[in-house]
PDB file of N, CA and C in Angstrom:
ATOM      1  N   UNK A   1       0.618  -1.156  -0.105  1.00  0.00           N
ATOM      2  CA  UNK A   1      -0.169   0.050  -0.240  1.00  0.00           C
ATOM      3  C   UNK A   1       0.896   1.038   0.059  1.00  0.00           C
ATOM      4  N   UNK A   2       2.044   1.231   0.328  1.00  0.00           N
ATOM      5  CA  UNK A   2       2.991   2.293   0.620  1.00  0.00           C
ATOM      6  C   UNK A   2       3.316   2.848  -0.690  1.00  0.00           C
ATOM      7  N   UNK A   3       3.401   1.659  -1.945  1.00  0.00           N
ATOM      8  CA  UNK A   3       3.735   2.083  -3.116  1.00  0.00           C
ATOM      9  C   UNK A   3       2.794   2.840  -3.919  1.00  0.00           C
ATOM     10  N   UNK A   4       1.284   2.446  -3.746  1.00  0.00           N
ATOM     11  CA  UNK A   4       0.381   3.150  -4.113  1.00  0.00           C
ATOM     12  C   UNK A   4       0.192   4.548  -3.729  1.00  0.00           C
ATOM     13  N   UNK A   5       0.566   4.839  -2.213  1.00  0.00           N
ATOM     14  CA  UNK A   5       0.565   6.299  -1.873  1.00  0.00           C
ATOM     15  C   UNK A   5       1.574   7.062  -2.398  1.00  0.00           C
ATOM     16  N   UNK A   6       2.863   6.422  -2.160  1.00  0.00           N
ATOM     17  CA  UNK A   6       4.256   7.244  -2.385  1.00  0.00           C
ATOM     18  C   UNK A   6       4.183   8.120  -3.916  1.00  0.00           C
ATOM     19  N   UNK A   7       3.465   7.750  -4.609  1.00  0.00           N
ATOM     20  CA  UNK A   7       3.621   8.716  -5.915  1.00  0.00           C
ATOM     21  C   UNK A   7       2.691  10.072  -5.780  1.00  0.00           C
ATOM     22  N   UNK A   8       1.710  10.043  -4.847  1.00  0.00           N
ATOM     23  CA  UNK A   8       0.967  11.137  -4.488  1.00  0.00           C
ATOM     24  C   UNK A   8       1.353  12.176  -3.814  1.00  0.00           C
ATOM     25  N   UNK A   9       0.558  13.612  -3.823  1.00  0.00           N
ATOM     26  CA  UNK A   9       1.340  14.408  -3.005  1.00  0.00           C
ATOM     27  C   UNK A   9       1.065  14.310  -1.464  1.00  0.00           C
ATOM     28  N   UNK A  10       1.953  14.848  -0.806  1.00  0.00           N
ATOM     29  CA  UNK A  10       1.821  14.496   0.882  1.00  0.00           C
ATOM     30  C   UNK A  10       0.614  15.128   1.133  1.00  0.00           C
ATOM     31  N   UNK A  11      -0.176  14.496   2.114  1.00  0.00           N
ATOM     32  CA  UNK A  11      -1.404  15.346   2.681  1.00  0.00           C
ATOM     33  C   UNK A  11      -1.008  16.369   3.683  1.00  0.00           C
ATOM     34  N   UNK A  12      -0.018  16.172   4.281  1.00  0.00           N
ATOM     35  CA  UNK A  12       0.724  17.134   5.394  1.00  0.00           C
ATOM     36  C   UNK A  12       1.575  17.986   5.012  1.00  0.00           C
ATOM     37  N   UNK A  13       1.810  18.269   3.451  1.00  0.00           N
ATOM     38  CA  UNK A  13       2.723  19.440   2.993  1.00  0.00           C
ATOM     39  C   UNK A  13       2.657  20.589   3.786  1.00  0.00           C
ATOM     40  N   UNK A  14       3.914  21.101   4.060  1.00  0.00           N
ATOM     41  CA  UNK A  14       3.867  22.587   4.880  1.00  0.00           C
ATOM     42  C   UNK A  14       2.994  23.767   4.023  1.00  0.00           C
ATOM     43  N   UNK A  15       2.363  24.292   4.552  1.00  0.00           N
ATOM     44  CA  UNK A  15       1.316  25.301   3.976  1.00  0.00           C
ATOM     45  C   UNK A  15       1.414  26.589   4.499  1.00  0.00           C
ATOM     46  N   UNK A  16       2.470  26.870   5.261  1.00  0.00           N
ATOM     47  CA  UNK A  16       2.453  28.129   5.934  1.00  0.00           C
ATOM     48  C   UNK A  16       3.881  28.210   7.006  1.00  0.00           C
ATOM     49  N   UNK A  17       3.735  28.726   7.481  1.00  0.00           N
ATOM     50  CA  UNK A  17       4.893  29.277   8.309  1.00  0.00           C
ATOM     51  C   UNK A  17       5.074  27.983   9.691  1.00  0.00           C
ATOM     52  N   UNK A  18       4.042  27.589   9.688  1.00  0.00           N
ATOM     53  CA  UNK A  18       4.088  26.513  11.163  1.00  0.00           C
ATOM     54  C   UNK A  18       5.022  25.220  11.076  1.00  0.00           C
ATOM     55  N   UNK A  19       5.309  24.608  11.890  1.00  0.00           N
ATOM     56  CA  UNK A  19       6.280  23.196  11.763  1.00  0.00           C
ATOM     57  C   UNK A  19       5.124  22.277  10.984  1.00  0.00           C
ATOM     58  N   UNK A  20       5.962  21.455  10.325  1.00  0.00           N
ATOM     59  CA  UNK A  20       5.403  20.329   9.506  1.00  0.00           C
ATOM     60  C   UNK A  20       4.820  19.295  10.649  1.00  0.00           C
ATOM     61  N   UNK A  21       3.295  18.819  10.792  1.00  0.00           N
ATOM     62  CA  UNK A  21       2.365  18.037  11.676  1.00  0.00           C
ATOM     63  C   UNK A  21       3.178  16.759  11.800  1.00  0.00           C
ATOM     64  N   UNK A  22       3.677  16.109  10.789  1.00  0.00           N
ATOM     65  CA  UNK A  22       3.978  14.590  11.180  1.00  0.00           C
ATOM     66  C   UNK A  22       3.965  14.180   9.871  1.00  0.00           C
ATOM     67  N   UNK A  23       4.349  12.608   9.893  1.00  0.00           N
ATOM     68  CA  UNK A  23       4.353  12.009   8.512  1.00  0.00           C
ATOM     69  C   UNK A  23       2.768  11.444   7.680  1.00  0.00           C
ATOM     70  N   UNK A  24       2.876  11.074   6.443  1.00  0.00           N
ATOM     71  CA  UNK A  24       1.713  10.507   5.840  1.00  0.00           C
ATOM     72  C   UNK A  24       1.350   9.548   6.273  1.00  0.00           C
ATOM     73  N   UNK A  25       2.330   8.534   7.027  1.00  0.00           N
ATOM     74  CA  UNK A  25       1.909   7.486   7.612  1.00  0.00           C
ATOM     75  C   UNK A  25       0.950   7.238   8.825  1.00  0.00           C
ATOM     76  N   UNK A  26       1.495   8.353   9.613  1.00  0.00           N
ATOM     77  CA  UNK A  26       0.538   8.953  11.035  1.00  0.00           C
ATOM     78  C   UNK A  26      -0.620   9.475  10.308  1.00  0.00           C
ATOM     79  N   UNK A  27      -0.744  10.185   9.255  1.00  0.00           N
ATOM     80  CA  UNK A  27      -1.881  10.661   8.941  1.00  0.00           C
ATOM     81  C   UNK A  27      -2.840   9.580   8.679  1.00  0.00           C
ATOM     82  N   UNK A  28      -2.231   8.548   7.750  1.00  0.00           N
ATOM     83  CA  UNK A  28      -2.930   7.493   7.427  1.00  0.00           C
ATOM     84  C   UNK A  28      -3.692   6.556   8.382  1.00  0.00           C
ATOM     85  N   UNK A  29      -2.721   6.330   9.676  1.00  0.00           N
ATOM     86  CA  UNK A  29      -3.513   5.706  11.011  1.00  0.00           C
ATOM     87  C   UNK A  29      -4.276   6.659  11.520  1.00  0.00           C
ATOM     88  N   UNK A  30      -4.309   7.827  11.418  1.00  0.00           N
ATOM     89  CA  UNK A  30      -5.442   8.641  11.895  1.00  0.00           C
ATOM     90  C   UNK A  30      -6.779   8.381  11.220  1.00  0.00           C
ATOM     91  N   UNK A  31      -6.636   8.197   9.854  1.00  0.00           N
ATOM     92  CA  UNK A  31      -7.899   7.762   9.164  1.00  0.00           C
ATOM     93  C   UNK A  31      -8.431   6.407   9.709  1.00  0.00           C
ATOM     94  N   UNK A  32      -7.167   5.599   9.878  1.00  0.00           N
ATOM     95  CA  UNK A  32      -7.888   4.288  10.151  1.00  0.00           C
ATOM     96  C   UNK A  32      -8.465   4.148  11.603  1.00  0.00           C
ATOM     97  N   UNK A  33      -8.097   5.180  12.254  1.00  0.00           N
ATOM     98  CA  UNK A  33      -8.267   4.964  13.585  1.00  0.00           C
ATOM     99  C   UNK A  33     -10.092   5.209  14.097  1.00  0.00           C
ATOM    100  N   UNK A  34     -10.613   6.508  13.299  1.00  0.00           N
ATOM    101  CA  UNK A  34     -11.788   6.284  13.270  1.00  0.00           C
ATOM    102  C   UNK A  34     -12.690   5.318  12.998  1.00  0.00           C
ATOM    103  N   UNK A  35     -12.958   4.598  12.137  1.00  0.00           N
ATOM    104  CA  UNK A  35     -14.027   3.524  12.072  1.00  0.00           C
ATOM    105  C   UNK A  35     -13.239   2.196  12.801  1.00  0.00           C
ATOM    106  N   UNK A  36     -12.122   2.113  13.287  1.00  0.00           N
ATOM    107  CA  UNK A  36     -11.571   1.109  14.148  1.00  0.00           C
ATOM    108  C   UNK A  36     -12.035   1.352  15.630  1.00  0.00           C
ATOM    109  N   UNK A  37     -12.181   2.456  15.763  1.00  0.00           N
ATOM    110  CA  UNK A  37     -12.614   2.745  17.160  1.00  0.00           C
ATOM    111  C   UNK A  37     -14.055   3.513  17.401  1.00  0.00           C
ATOM    112  N   UNK A  38     -14.747   3.259  16.357  1.00  0.00           N
ATOM    113  CA  UNK A  38     -16.190   3.806  16.521  1.00  0.00           C
ATOM    114  C   UNK A  38     -16.269   5.003  16.830  1.00  0.00           C
ATOM    115  N   UNK A  39     -15.634   5.851  16.278  1.00  0.00           N
ATOM    116  CA  UNK A  39     -15.777   7.367  16.457  1.00  0.00           C
ATOM    117  C   UNK A  39     -16.488   8.181  15.098  1.00  0.00           C
ATOM    118  N   UNK A  40     -17.823   8.006  15.312  1.00  0.00           N
ATOM    119  CA  UNK A  40     -18.375   8.420  14.038  1.00  0.00           C
ATOM    120  C   UNK A  40     -18.595   9.709  14.169  1.00  0.00           C
ATOM    121  N   UNK A  41     -18.260  10.424  12.742  1.00  0.00           N
ATOM    122  CA  UNK A  41     -18.280  11.757  12.396  1.00  0.00           C
ATOM    123  C   UNK A  41     -17.514  12.825  13.401  1.00  0.00           C
ATOM    124  N   UNK A  42     -16.231  12.240  14.005  1.00  0.00           N
ATOM    125  CA  UNK A  42     -15.381  12.872  14.408  1.00  0.00           C
ATOM    126  C   UNK A  42     -13.956  12.328  14.004  1.00  0.00           C
ATOM    127  N   UNK A  43     -13.186  13.413  14.459  1.00  0.00           N
ATOM    128  CA  UNK A  43     -11.581  13.294  14.035  1.00  0.00           C
ATOM    129  C   UNK A  43     -10.942  12.657  15.313  1.00  0.00           C
ATOM    130  N   UNK A  44      -9.637  12.272  14.827  1.00  0.00           N
ATOM    131  CA  UNK A  44      -9.060  11.345  16.101  1.00  0.00           C
ATOM    132  C   UNK A  44      -8.459  12.328  16.855  1.00  0.00           C
ATOM    133  N   UNK A  45      -8.546  12.043  18.051  1.00  0.00           N
ATOM    134  CA  UNK A  45      -7.929  12.823  19.110  1.00  0.00           C
ATOM    135  C   UNK A  45      -6.472  13.453  18.971  1.00  0.00           C
ATOM    136  N   UNK A  46      -6.066  14.732  19.049  1.00  0.00           N
ATOM    137  CA  UNK A  46      -4.748  15.132  19.001  1.00  0.00           C
ATOM    138  C   UNK A  46      -3.777  14.703  20.102  1.00  0.00           C
ATOM    139  N   UNK A  47      -4.371  14.220  20.950  1.00  0.00           N
ATOM    140  CA  UNK A  47      -3.988  13.723  22.470  1.00  0.00           C
ATOM    141  C   UNK A  47      -2.858  12.117  21.600  1.00  0.00           C
ATOM    142  N   UNK A  48      -3.372  11.932  20.760  1.00  0.00           N
ATOM    143  CA  UNK A  48      -2.781  10.660  20.182  1.00  0.00           C
ATOM    144  C   UNK A  48      -1.629  10.924  19.108  1.00  0.00           C
ATOM    145  N   UNK A  49      -1.420  12.168  18.874  1.00  0.00           N
ATOM    146  CA  UNK A  49      -0.185  12.631  17.838  1.00  0.00           C
ATOM    147  C   UNK A  49      -0.791  12.903  16.357  1.00  0.00           C
ATOM    148  N   UNK A  50      -2.228  12.769  16.467  1.00  0.00           N
ATOM    149  CA  UNK A  50      -2.691  12.923  14.974  1.00  0.00           C
ATOM    150  C   UNK A  50      -2.834  14.294  14.340  1.00  0.00           C
ATOM    151  N   UNK A  51      -2.156  15.605  15.244  1.00  0.00           N
ATOM    152  CA  UNK A  51      -2.468  16.537  14.885  1.00  0.00           C
ATOM    153  C   UNK A  51      -3.802  17.553  15.166  1.00  0.00           C
ATOM    154  N   UNK A  52      -4.033  18.635  15.040  1.00  0.00           N
ATOM    155  CA  UNK A  52      -5.386  19.467  15.197  1.00  0.00           C
ATOM    156  C   UNK A  52      -6.345  18.717  14.383  1.00  0.00           C
ATOM    157  N   UNK A  53      -7.467  19.007  14.576  1.00  0.00           N
ATOM    158  CA  UNK A  53      -8.792  18.868  13.828  1.00  0.00           C
ATOM    159  C   UNK A  53      -8.640  19.627  12.549  1.00  0.00           C
ATOM    160  N   UNK A  54      -8.114  21.054  12.610  1.00  0.00           N
ATOM    161  CA  UNK A  54      -8.028  21.384  11.032  1.00  0.00           C
ATOM    162  C   UNK A  54      -7.158  21.085  10.363  1.00  0.00           C
ATOM    163  N   UNK A  55      -5.721  20.639  10.858  1.00  0.00           N
ATOM    164  CA  UNK A  55      -4.784  19.873  10.220  1.00  0.00           C
ATOM    165  C   UNK A  55      -5.320  18.821   9.470  1.00  0.00           C
ATOM    166  N   UNK A  56      -6.000  17.900  10.283  1.00  0.00           N
ATOM    167  CA  UNK A  56      -6.547  16.818   9.653  1.00  0.00           C
ATOM    168  C   UNK A  56      -7.517  16.677   8.501  1.00  0.00           C
ATOM    169  N   UNK A  57      -8.482  17.631   8.971  1.00  0.00           N
ATOM    170  CA  UNK A  57      -9.275  18.308   7.835  1.00  0.00           C
ATOM    171  C   UNK A  57      -8.852  18.429   6.478  1.00  0.00           C
ATOM    172  N   UNK A  58      -7.756  19.249   6.741  1.00  0.00           N
ATOM    173  CA  UNK A  58      -7.004  19.924   5.123  1.00  0.00           C
ATOM    174  C   UNK A  58      -6.292  18.755   4.668  1.00  0.00           C
ATOM    175  N   UNK A  59      -6.066  17.754   5.464  1.00  0.00           N
ATOM    176  CA  UNK A  59      -5.093  16.532   4.938  1.00  0.00           C
ATOM    177  C   UNK A  59      -6.025  15.483   4.451  1.00  0.00           C
ATOM    178  N   UNK A  60      -7.213  15.401   4.870  1.00  0.00           N
ATOM    179  CA  UNK A  60      -8.306  14.848   4.007  1.00  0.00           C
ATOM    180  C   UNK A  60      -8.947  15.632   2.455  1.00  0.00           C
ATOM    181  N   UNK A  61      -9.185  16.739   2.866  1.00  0.00           N
ATOM    182  CA  UNK A  61      -9.390  17.533   1.265  1.00  0.00           C
ATOM    183  C   UNK A  61      -8.261  17.532   0.724  1.00  0.00           C
ATOM    184  N   UNK A  62      -6.901  17.419   0.981  1.00  0.00           N
ATOM    185  CA  UNK A  62      -5.665  17.270  -0.199  1.00  0.00           C
ATOM    186  C   UNK A  62      -5.643  16.065  -0.771  1.00  0.00           C
ATOM    187  N   UNK A  63      -5.810  14.690  -0.007  1.00  0.00           N
ATOM    188  CA  UNK A  63      -5.787  13.472  -0.497  1.00  0.00           C
ATOM    189  C   UNK A  63      -7.057  13.057  -1.191  1.00  0.00           C
ATOM    190  N   UNK A  64      -8.259  13.858  -1.106  1.00  0.00           N
ATOM    191  CA  UNK A  64      -9.558  13.958  -1.738  1.00  0.00           C
ATOM    192  C   UNK A  64      -9.198  14.204  -3.277  1.00  0.00           C
ATOM    193  N   UNK A  65      -8.504  15.500  -3.051  1.00  0.00           N
ATOM    194  CA  UNK A  65      -8.333  16.268  -4.580  1.00  0.00           C
ATOM    195  C   UNK A  65      -7.303  15.186  -5.381  1.00  0.00           C
ATOM    196  N   UNK A  66      -6.468  14.631  -4.902  1.00  0.00           N
ATOM    197  CA  UNK A  66      -5.417  14.053  -5.155  1.00  0.00           C
ATOM    198  C   UNK A  66      -5.800  12.601  -5.842  1.00  0.00           C
ATOM    199  N   UNK A  67      -7.281  12.326  -5.321  1.00  0.00           N
ATOM    200  CA  UNK A  67      -7.469  10.871  -5.810  1.00  0.00           C
ATOM    201  C   UNK A  67      -6.759   9.729  -5.006  1.00  0.00           C
ATOM    202  N   UNK A  68      -6.284  10.062  -3.635  1.00  0.00           N
ATOM    203  CA  UNK A  68      -5.686   9.193  -3.164  1.00  0.00           C
ATOM    204  C   UNK A  68      -6.831   7.941  -2.721  1.00  0.00           C
ATOM    205  N   UNK A  69      -8.177   8.670  -2.177  1.00  0.00           N
ATOM    206  CA  UNK A  69      -8.992   7.444  -1.811  1.00  0.00           C
ATOM    207  C   UNK A  69      -9.581   6.513  -2.665  1.00  0.00           C
ATOM    208  N   UNK A  70     -10.034   7.363  -4.225  1.00  0.00           N
ATOM    209  CA  UNK A  70     -10.344   6.570  -5.350  1.00  0.00           C
ATOM    210  C   UNK A  70      -9.246   5.404  -5.765  1.00  0.00           C
ATOM    211  N   UNK A  71      -7.881   5.976  -5.491  1.00  0.00           N
ATOM    212  CA  UNK A  71      -7.108   4.837  -5.944  1.00  0.00           C
ATOM    213  C   UNK A  71      -6.809   3.559  -4.702  1.00  0.00           C
ATOM    214  N   UNK A  72      -7.045   3.952  -3.402  1.00  0.00           N
ATOM    215  CA  UNK A  72      -6.966   3.263  -2.381  1.00  0.00           C
ATOM    216  C   UNK A  72      -8.146   2.187  -2.651  1.00  0.00           C
ATOM    217  N   UNK A  73      -9.229   2.820  -3.040  1.00  0.00           N
ATOM    218  CA  UNK A  73     -10.855   1.885  -3.149  1.00  0.00           C
ATOM    219  C   UNK A  73     -10.312   0.885  -4.315  1.00  0.00           C
ATOM    220  N   UNK A  74      -9.718   1.223  -5.274  1.00  0.00           N
ATOM    221  CA  UNK A  74      -9.606   0.243  -6.475  1.00  0.00           C
ATOM    222  C   UNK A  74      -8.423  -0.741  -6.163  1.00  0.00           C
ATOM    223  N   UNK A  75      -7.639  -0.298  -5.646  1.00  0.00           N
ATOM    224  CA  UNK A  75      -6.433  -0.989  -4.962  1.00  0.00           C
ATOM    225  C   UNK A  75      -6.959  -2.034  -3.936  1.00  0.00           C
ATOM    226  N   UNK A  76      -7.791  -2.255  -3.376  1.00  0.00           N
ATOM    227  CA  UNK A  76      -8.281  -2.915  -2.070  1.00  0.00           C
ATOM    228  C   UNK A  76      -9.253  -3.800  -2.966  1.00  0.00           C
ATOM    229  N   UNK A  77     -10.188  -3.273  -3.860  1.00  0.00           N
ATOM    230  CA  UNK A  77     -10.640  -4.055  -4.250  1.00  0.00           C
ATOM    231  C   UNK A  77     -10.374  -5.129  -5.459  1.00  0.00           C
ATOM    232  N   UNK A  78      -9.295  -4.765  -6.093  1.00  0.00           N
ATOM    233  CA  UNK A  78      -8.281  -5.695  -6.675  1.00  0.00           C
ATOM    234  C   UNK A  78      -7.704  -6.788  -5.698  1.00  0.00           C
ATOM    235  N   UNK A  79      -7.155  -6.350  -4.829  1.00  0.00           N
ATOM    236  CA  UNK A  79      -6.526  -7.125  -3.867  1.00  0.00           C
ATOM    237  C   UNK A  79      -7.813  -8.273  -3.487  1.00  0.00           C
ATOM    238  N   UNK A  80      -9.054  -7.810  -3.120  1.00  0.00           N
ATOM    239  CA  UNK A  80      -9.819  -8.569  -2.273  1.00  0.00           C
ATOM    240  C   UNK A  80     -10.194  -9.690  -3.490  1.00  0.00           C
ATOM    241  N   UNK A  81     -10.371  -9.325  -4.767  1.00  0.00           N
ATOM    242  CA  UNK A  81     -10.751  -9.678  -6.087  1.00  0.00           C
ATOM    243  C   UNK A  81      -9.736 -11.122  -6.360  1.00  0.00           C
ATOM    244  N   UNK A  82      -8.437 -10.860  -6.036  1.00  0.00           N
ATOM    245  CA  UNK A  82      -7.532 -11.696  -6.348  1.00  0.00           C
ATOM    246  C   UNK A  82      -7.275 -12.724  -5.365  1.00  0.00           C
ATOM    247  N   UNK A  83      -7.807 -12.679  -4.135  1.00  0.00           N
ATOM    248  CA  UNK A  83      -8.047 -13.687  -3.287  1.00  0.00           C
ATOM    249  C   UNK A  83      -9.445 -14.440  -3.041  1.00  0.00           C
ATOM    250  N   UNK A  84     -10.282 -13.840  -3.815  1.00  0.00           N
ATOM    251  CA  UNK A  84     -11.762 -14.335  -3.847  1.00  0.00           C
ATOM    252  C   UNK A  84     -12.681 -13.991  -2.758  1.00  0.00           C
ATOM    253  N   UNK A  85     -12.258 -12.780  -2.434  1.00  0.00           N
ATOM    254  CA  UNK A  85     -13.113 -12.440  -1.349  1.00  0.00           C
ATOM    255  C   UNK A  85     -14.234 -11.569  -1.476  1.00  0.00           C
ATOM    256  N   UNK A  86     -14.083 -11.214  -2.942  1.00  0.00           N
ATOM    257  CA  UNK A  86     -15.810 -10.673  -3.419  1.00  0.00           C
ATOM    258  C   UNK A  86     -16.609 -11.676  -4.042  1.00  0.00           C
ATOM    259  N   UNK A  87     -17.689 -11.520  -3.590  1.00  0.00           N
ATOM    260  CA  UNK A  87     -18.901 -12.719  -4.259  1.00  0.00           C
ATOM    261  C   UNK A  87     -19.394 -11.730  -5.439  1.00  0.00           C
ATOM    262  N   UNK A  88     -19.092 -12.012  -6.462  1.00  0.00           N
ATOM    263  CA  UNK A  88     -19.596 -11.471  -7.526  1.00  0.00           C
ATOM    264  C   UNK A  88     -21.397 -11.291  -7.633  1.00  0.00           C
ATOM    265  N   UNK A  89     -21.891 -12.657  -7.352  1.00  0.00           N
ATOM    266  CA  UNK A  89     -23.278 -12.178  -7.312  1.00  0.00           C
ATOM    267  C   UNK A  89     -24.229 -11.481  -6.154  1.00  0.00           C
ATOM    268  N   UNK A  90     -23.269 -11.001  -5.371  1.00  0.00           N
ATOM    269  CA  UNK A  90     -23.822 -10.428  -4.290  1.00  0.00           C
ATOM    270  C   UNK A  90     -23.394  -9.021  -4.224  1.00  0.00           C
ATOM    271  N   UNK A  91     -22.581  -8.626  -5.336  1.00  0.00           N
ATOM    272  CA  UNK A  91     -22.222  -7.174  -4.864  1.00  0.00           C
ATOM    273  C   UNK A  91     -23.368  -6.166  -5.046  1.00  0.00           C
ATOM    274  N   UNK A  92     -23.139  -5.085  -4.435  1.00  0.00           N
ATOM    275  CA  UNK A  92     -24.051  -3.814  -4.460  1.00  0.00           C
ATOM    276  C   UNK A  92     -23.357  -2.571  -4.831  1.00  0.00           C
ATOM    277  N   UNK A  93     -24.291  -2.012  -5.607  1.00  0.00           N
ATOM    278  CA  UNK A  93     -23.533  -0.624  -6.096  1.00  0.00           C
ATOM    279  C   UNK A  93     -24.209   0.599  -5.037  1.00  0.00           C
ATOM    280  N   UNK A  94     -23.162   1.273  -4.783  1.00  0.00           N
ATOM    281  CA  UNK A  94     -23.612   2.375  -3.794  1.00  0.00           C
ATOM    282  C   UNK A  94     -23.856   3.594  -4.810  1.00  0.00           C
ATOM    283  N   UNK A  95     -24.848   4.479  -4.793  1.00  0.00           N
ATOM    284  CA  UNK A  95     -25.081   5.560  -5.458  1.00  0.00           C
ATOM    285  C   UNK A  95     -23.849   6.788  -5.103  1.00  0.00           C
ATOM    286  N   UNK A  96     -23.390   6.566  -3.808  1.00  0.00           N
ATOM    287  CA  UNK A  96     -22.245   7.943  -3.613  1.00  0.00           C
ATOM    288  C   UNK A  96     -20.878   7.298  -4.613  1.00  0.00           C
ATOM    289  N   UNK A  97     -20.886   6.099  -5.313  1.00  0.00           N
ATOM    290  CA  UNK A  97     -19.638   5.863  -5.935  1.00  0.00           C
ATOM    291  C   UNK A  97     -20.135   5.792  -7.385  1.00  0.00           C
ATOM    292  N   UNK A  98     -21.231   5.594  -7.837  1.00  0.00           N
ATOM    293  CA  UNK A  98     -21.617   5.279  -9.308  1.00  0.00           C
ATOM    294  C   UNK A  98     -22.960   6.317  -9.479  1.00  0.00           C
ATOM    295  N   UNK A  99     -22.562   6.816 -10.517  1.00  0.00           N
ATOM    296  CA  UNK A  99     -23.740   7.817 -10.826  1.00  0.00           C
ATOM    297  C   UNK A  99     -24.782   7.394 -11.695  1.00  0.00           C
ATOM    298  N   UNK A 100     -26.103   7.272 -11.387  1.00  0.00           N
ATOM    299  CA  UNK A 100     -27.153   6.885 -12.197  1.00  0.00           C
ATOM    300  C   UNK A 100     -27.199   7.667 -13.359  1.00  0.00           C
ATOM    301  N   UNK A 101     -26.911   7.207 -14.565  1.00  0.00           N
ATOM    302  CA  UNK A 101     -27.149   8.012 -15.828  1.00  0.00           C
ATOM    303  C   UNK A 101     -28.456   8.599 -16.350  1.00  0.00           C
ATOM    304  N   UNK A 102     -29.511   7.484 -16.100  1.00  0.00           N
ATOM    305  CA  UNK A 102     -30.979   8.081 -16.650  1.00  0.00           C
ATOM    306  C   UNK A 102     -31.779   8.498 -15.075  1.00  0.00           C
ATOM    307  N   UNK A 103     -31.369   7.537 -14.246  1.00  0.00           N
ATOM    308  CA  UNK A 103     -32.244   7.867 -13.079  1.00  0.00           C
ATOM    309  C   UNK A 103     -33.851   7.778 -13.267  1.00  0.00           C
ATOM    310  N   UNK A 104     -34.447   7.904 -12.268  1.00  0.00           N
ATOM    311  CA  UNK A 104     -35.939   7.965 -12.472  1.00  0.00           C
ATOM    312  C   UNK A 104     -36.504   9.324 -13.085  1.00  0.00           C
ATOM    313  N   UNK A 105     -37.645   8.819 -14.011  1.00  0.00           N
ATOM    314  CA  UNK A 105     -38.172  10.191 -14.733  1.00  0.00           C
ATOM    315  C   UNK A 105     -38.913  10.710 -13.734  1.00  0.00           C
ATOM    316  N   UNK A 106     -38.984  12.205 -13.903  1.00  0.00           N
ATOM    317  CA  UNK A 106     -39.838  13.067 -13.031  1.00  0.00           C
ATOM    318  C   UNK A 106     -41.246  12.991 -13.151  1.00  0.00           C
ATOM    319  N   UNK A 107     -41.944  13.117 -12.105  1.00  0.00           N
ATOM    320  CA  UNK A 107     -43.260  12.839 -12.484  1.00  0.00           C
ATOM    321  C   UNK A 107     -43.709  14.183 -13.270  1.00  0.00           C
ATOM    322  N   UNK A 108     -45.126  13.797 -13.802  1.00  0.00           N
ATOM    323  CA  UNK A 108     -45.680  14.961 -14.386  1.00  0.00           C
ATOM    324  C   UNK A 108     -46.046  16.396 -13.720  1.00  0.00           C
ATOM    325  N   UNK A 109     -45.942  17.330 -13.971  1.00  0.00           N
ATOM    326  CA  UNK A 109     -45.678  18.506 -13.270  1.00  0.00           C
ATOM    327  C   UNK A 109     -47.458  18.923 -13.352  1.00  0.00           C
ATOM    328  N   UNK A 110     -48.019  18.815 -12.314  1.00  0.00           N
ATOM    329  CA  UNK A 110     -49.596  19.430 -12.166  1.00  0.00           C
ATOM    330  C   UNK A 110     -49.460  20.862 -11.919  1.00  0.00           C
ATOM    331  N   UNK A 111     -50.846  21.360 -12.695  1.00  0.00           N
ATOM    332  CA  UNK A 111     -50.710  22.992 -12.405  1.00  0.00           C
ATOM    333  C   UNK A 111     -51.255  23.186 -10.769  1.00  0.00           C
ATOM    334  N   UNK A 112     -51.072  24.167 -10.443  1.00  0.00           N
ATOM    335  CA  UNK A 112     -51.448  24.544  -8.775  1.00  0.00           C
ATOM    336  C   UNK A 112     -52.993  24.632  -8.696  1.00  0.00           C
ATOM    337  N   UNK A 113     -53.599  24.348  -7.720  1.00  0.00           N
ATOM    338  CA  UNK A 113     -55.062  24.307  -7.532  1.00  0.00           C
ATOM    339  C   UNK A 113     -55.355  25.492  -6.488  1.00  0.00           C
ATOM    340  N   UNK A 114     -54.422  26.103  -5.927  1.00  0.00           N
ATOM    341  CA  UNK A 114     -54.485  27.378  -5.383  1.00  0.00           C
ATOM    342  C   UNK A 114     -54.896  28.397  -5.848  1.00  0.00           C
ATOM    343  N   UNK A 115     -56.080  29.080  -5.132  1.00  0.00           N
ATOM    344  CA  UNK A 115     -56.861  30.320  -5.535  1.00  0.00           C
ATOM    345  C   UNK A 115     -58.079  30.123  -6.504  1.00  0.00           C
ATOM    346  N   UNK A 116     -58.272  28.787  -7.160  1.00  0.00           N
ATOM    347  CA  UNK A 116     -59.556  28.602  -7.746  1.00  0.00           C
ATOM    348  C   UNK A 116     -60.401  28.144  -7.320  1.00  0.00           C
ATOM    349  N   UNK A 117     -61.699  28.287  -7.699  1.00  0.00           N
ATOM    350  CA  UNK A 117     -62.734  27.938  -7.109  1.00  0.00           C
ATOM    351  C   UNK A 117     -63.014  26.465  -7.738  1.00  0.00           C
ATOM    352  N   UNK A 118     -63.518  25.650  -6.925  1.00  0.00           N
ATOM    353  CA  UNK A 118     -64.040  24.380  -7.430  1.00  0.00           C
ATOM    354  C   UNK A 118     -65.099  24.416  -8.638  1.00  0.00           C
ATOM    355  N   UNK A 119     -65.305  23.912  -9.047  1.00  0.00           N
ATOM    356  CA  UNK A 119     -66.513  23.613 -10.143  1.00  0.00           C
ATOM    357  C   UNK A 119     -67.560  23.342  -9.517  1.00  0.00           C
ATOM    358  N   UNK A 120     -68.738  23.740 -10.089  1.00  0.00           N
ATOM    359  CA  UNK A 120     -70.061  23.599  -9.506  1.00  0.00           C
ATOM    360  C   UNK A 120     -70.647  22.079 -10.012  1.00  0.00           C
ATOM    361  N   UNK A 121     -71.102  21.444  -8.907  1.00  0.00           N
ATOM    362  CA  UNK A 121     -71.576  20.073  -9.127  1.00  0.00           C
ATOM    363  C   UNK A 121     -72.933  19.828  -9.291  1.00  0.00           C
ATOM    364  N   UNK A 122     -73.749  21.025  -8.989  1.00  0.00           N
ATOM    365  CA  UNK A 122     -75.254  20.790  -8.629  1.00  0.00           C
ATOM    366  C   UNK A 122     -75.684  21.657  -9.723  1.00  0.00           C
TER     367      UNK A 122
END
């Protein structure tokens, strides 16, 4: 996995006068910390050496723009497929990753009934 991440820009490149917060390996450990420790919608705690929340967010955005997560996803899928860990008949497609080309047709637009009197029925 290190060879997968090595040609990509560092998530923690220096972007100001502050000191460089840490290594990409530590940043990756911070990413893996969140689901492993069931910390939903939170960042890893800075006490563990993962840097401040803002630093971590910037790193996530930088890796997202660089395509790190897409490459990592493809790499992991290929590795799992190589060992037969993916059951093809039971694959589920997530709408967050695959765009629906046509989607559901929009319903017929009905005119508004507001402000109109009902027709006489007597």
